[in-house]
Amino acid sequence: MSITLTEAAARHVTRYLGRRGKGVGVRLGVKTTGCSGLAYKLEYADEVGTEDIVFEDHGVKVLVDPKSLPYLDGTQLDFVREGLNEGFKFHNPRERDRCGCGESFRV
């Protein structure tokens, strides 16, 4: 089981946590929503929870709850700039389908 980050994603998280002045990494999970069933949720984490599974890549911790891990195993988190837009992009090998609006996915 693994979750990885690209160097760009790790740099972005490290910079943001530095400006924020606190935090241990990012928390990655899934929630039920949208027309395809699941959506990614990503937030900055201030502490490691007792049930969190911790992955570390490029010096950044990624915290995942046990219920989300089967849907996220093998995912790579990237940070991309496309024109005027920038944000995190999920490369999930378990993803089988994505809804037309891009909000949700199915495994």
C-alpha atoms as a PDB file:
ATOM      1  CA  MET A   1       0.000   0.000   0.000  1.00  0.00           C
ATOM      2  CA  SER A   2       1.337   3.409  -0.887  1.00  0.00           C
ATOM      3  CA  ILE A   3       0.473   7.031  -1.528  1.00  0.00           C
ATOM      4  CA  THR A   4       3.150   9.191  -3.182  1.00  0.00           C
ATOM      5  CA  LEU A   5       3.725  12.830  -4.044  1.00  0.00           C
ATOM      6  CA  THR A   6       5.544  14.391  -6.941  1.00  0.00           C
ATOM      7  CA  GLU A   7       8.334  16.838  -6.121  1.00  0.00           C
ATOM      8  CA  ALA A   8       6.037  19.692  -7.202  1.00  0.00           C
ATOM      9  CA  ALA A   9       3.306  18.594  -4.769  1.00  0.00           C
ATOM     10  CA  ALA A  10       5.803  18.177  -1.929  1.00  0.00           C
ATOM     11  CA  ARG A  11       7.281  21.647  -2.571  1.00  0.00           C
ATOM     12  CA  HIS A  12       3.822  23.218  -2.586  1.00  0.00           C
ATOM     13  CA  VAL A  13       2.761  21.514   0.661  1.00  0.00           C
ATOM     14  CA  THR A  14       6.055  22.372   2.387  1.00  0.00           C
ATOM     15  CA  ARG A  15       5.801  26.038   1.334  1.00  0.00           C
ATOM     16  CA  TYR A  16       2.176  26.281   2.416  1.00  0.00           C
ATOM     17  CA  LEU A  17       2.809  24.673   5.813  1.00  0.00           C
ATOM     18  CA  GLY A  18       5.735  27.066   6.328  1.00  0.00           C
ATOM     19  CA  ARG A  19       3.573  30.116   5.594  1.00  0.00           C
ATOM     20  CA  ARG A  20       0.790  28.684   7.732  1.00  0.00           C
ATOM     21  CA  GLY A  21       3.186  28.231  10.645  1.00  0.00           C
ATOM     22  CA  LYS A  22       1.816  24.850  11.710  1.00  0.00           C
ATOM     23  CA  GLY A  23       0.828  21.437  10.406  1.00  0.00           C
ATOM     24  CA  VAL A  24       2.267  17.974   9.988  1.00  0.00           C
ATOM     25  CA  GLY A  25       1.265  17.311   6.370  1.00  0.00           C
ATOM     26  CA  VAL A  26      -1.866  16.678   4.316  1.00  0.00           C
ATOM     27  CA  ARG A  27      -4.859  14.458   4.977  1.00  0.00           C
ATOM     28  CA  LEU A  28      -6.167  12.614   1.909  1.00  0.00           C
ATOM     29  CA  GLY A  29      -9.453  10.733   1.818  1.00  0.00           C
ATOM     30  CA  VAL A  30     -12.585  10.045  -0.180  1.00  0.00           C
ATOM     31  CA  LYS A  31     -16.210  10.960   0.395  1.00  0.00           C
ATOM     32  CA  THR A  32     -19.404   9.712  -1.186  1.00  0.00           C
ATOM     33  CA  THR A  33     -20.778  12.327  -3.581  1.00  0.00           C
ATOM     34  CA  GLY A  34     -21.447  13.230  -7.197  1.00  0.00           C
ATOM     35  CA  CYS A  35     -22.734  11.210 -10.095  1.00  0.00           C
ATOM     36  CA  SER A  36     -19.901   8.649 -10.107  1.00  0.00           C
ATOM     37  CA  GLY A  37     -19.928   7.946  -6.377  1.00  0.00           C
ATOM     38  CA  LEU A  38     -16.658   9.125  -4.797  1.00  0.00           C
ATOM     39  CA  ALA A  39     -14.751  12.399  -4.576  1.00  0.00           C
ATOM     40  CA  TYR A  40     -11.298  13.177  -3.249  1.00  0.00           C
ATOM     41  CA  LYS A  41     -10.973  15.271  -0.135  1.00  0.00           C
ATOM     42  CA  LEU A  42      -7.697  16.936   0.730  1.00  0.00           C
ATOM     43  CA  GLU A  43      -6.895  19.182   3.681  1.00  0.00           C
ATOM     44  CA  TYR A  44      -3.891  20.284   5.665  1.00  0.00           C
ATOM     45  CA  ALA A  45      -3.446  18.306   8.883  1.00  0.00           C
ATOM     46  CA  ASP A  46      -2.317  19.773  12.189  1.00  0.00           C
ATOM     47  CA  GLU A  47      -1.849  16.434  13.934  1.00  0.00           C
ATOM     48  CA  VAL A  48      -1.721  12.714  13.235  1.00  0.00           C
ATOM     49  CA  GLY A  49      -4.899  10.936  14.350  1.00  0.00           C
ATOM     50  CA  THR A  50      -4.785   7.643  16.223  1.00  0.00           C
ATOM     51  CA  GLU A  51      -6.185   5.680  13.246  1.00  0.00           C
ATOM     52  CA  ASP A  52      -4.337   7.553  10.493  1.00  0.00           C
ATOM     53  CA  ILE A  53      -2.082   5.568   8.203  1.00  0.00           C
ATOM     54  CA  VAL A  54       0.988   7.709   7.504  1.00  0.00           C
ATOM     55  CA  PHE A  55       2.949   7.746   4.253  1.00  0.00           C
ATOM     56  CA  GLU A  56       5.940  10.022   3.738  1.00  0.00           C
ATOM     57  CA  ASP A  57       7.383  11.112   0.418  1.00  0.00           C
ATOM     58  CA  HIS A  58       9.890  13.917  -0.295  1.00  0.00           C
ATOM     59  CA  GLY A  59       9.751  14.817   3.409  1.00  0.00           C
ATOM     60  CA  VAL A  60       5.965  15.374   3.442  1.00  0.00           C
ATOM     61  CA  LYS A  61       3.523  13.259   5.431  1.00  0.00           C
ATOM     62  CA  VAL A  62       0.285  12.095   3.802  1.00  0.00           C
ATOM     63  CA  LEU A  63      -2.315  10.905   6.321  1.00  0.00           C
ATOM     64  CA  VAL A  64      -5.059   8.532   5.167  1.00  0.00           C
ATOM     65  CA  ASP A  65      -7.945   7.061   7.137  1.00  0.00           C
ATOM     66  CA  PRO A  66      -8.260   3.249   6.938  1.00  0.00           C
ATOM     67  CA  LYS A  67     -11.665   3.359   5.183  1.00  0.00           C
ATOM     68  CA  SER A  68     -10.323   5.523   2.324  1.00  0.00           C
ATOM     69  CA  LEU A  69      -7.093   3.599   1.745  1.00  0.00           C
ATOM     70  CA  PRO A  70      -8.576   0.805  -0.441  1.00  0.00           C
ATOM     71  CA  TYR A  71      -9.799   3.482  -2.886  1.00  0.00           C
ATOM     72  CA  LEU A  72      -6.527   5.443  -2.798  1.00  0.00           C
ATOM     73  CA  ASP A  73      -3.816   2.779  -2.774  1.00  0.00           C
ATOM     74  CA  GLY A  74      -1.240   3.593  -5.440  1.00  0.00           C
ATOM     75  CA  THR A  75      -2.387   7.198  -5.878  1.00  0.00           C
ATOM     76  CA  GLN A  76       0.152   9.859  -6.730  1.00  0.00           C
ATOM     77  CA  LEU A  77      -0.625  13.428  -5.707  1.00  0.00           C
ATOM     78  CA  ASP A  78       0.702  16.080  -8.087  1.00  0.00           C
ATOM     79  CA  PHE A  79       0.538  19.876  -8.108  1.00  0.00           C
ATOM     80  CA  VAL A  80       0.143  21.380 -11.567  1.00  0.00           C
ATOM     81  CA  ARG A  81      -0.126  24.795 -13.163  1.00  0.00           C
ATOM     82  CA  GLU A  82      -2.149  24.947 -16.364  1.00  0.00           C
ATOM     83  CA  GLY A  83      -2.437  28.466 -17.729  1.00  0.00           C
ATOM     84  CA  LEU A  84      -3.903  30.638 -14.975  1.00  0.00           C
ATOM     85  CA  ASN A  85      -5.119  27.636 -12.989  1.00  0.00           C
ATOM     86  CA  GLU A  86      -3.173  25.658 -10.435  1.00  0.00           C
ATOM     87  CA  GLY A  87      -4.064  22.874  -8.071  1.00  0.00           C
ATOM     88  CA  PHE A  88      -3.637  19.307  -6.961  1.00  0.00           C
ATOM     89  CA  LYS A  89      -4.172  16.489  -9.443  1.00  0.00           C
ATOM     90  CA  PHE A  90      -4.774  12.873  -8.444  1.00  0.00           C
ATOM     91  CA  HIS A  91      -3.249  10.044 -10.488  1.00  0.00           C
ATOM     92  CA  ASN A  92      -5.153   7.034  -9.141  1.00  0.00           C
ATOM     93  CA  PRO A  93      -4.610   3.668 -10.849  1.00  0.00           C
ATOM     94  CA  ARG A  94      -7.811   2.338  -9.232  1.00  0.00           C
ATOM     95  CA  GLU A  95      -9.978   4.969 -10.924  1.00  0.00           C
ATOM     96  CA  ARG A  96     -12.176   3.260 -13.546  1.00  0.00           C
ATOM     97  CA  ASP A  97     -14.456   6.111 -14.547  1.00  0.00           C
ATOM     98  CA  ARG A  98     -14.819   9.836 -13.920  1.00  0.00           C
ATOM     99  CA  CYS A  99     -17.996  11.864 -14.207  1.00  0.00           C
ATOM    100  CA  GLY A 100     -18.329  14.423 -16.987  1.00  0.00           C
ATOM    101  CA  CYS A 101     -18.001  17.405 -14.645  1.00  0.00           C
ATOM    102  CA  GLY A 102     -14.800  15.956 -13.137  1.00  0.00           C
ATOM    103  CA  GLU A 103     -16.008  16.133  -9.533  1.00  0.00           C
ATOM    104  CA  SER A 104     -16.370  12.450  -8.794  1.00  0.00           C
ATOM    105  CA  PHE A 105     -14.922   9.090  -9.787  1.00  0.00           C
ATOM    106  CA  ARG A 106     -15.631   5.354  -9.566  1.00  0.00           C
ATOM    107  CA  VAL A 107     -13.292   2.467  -8.747  1.00  0.00           C
END
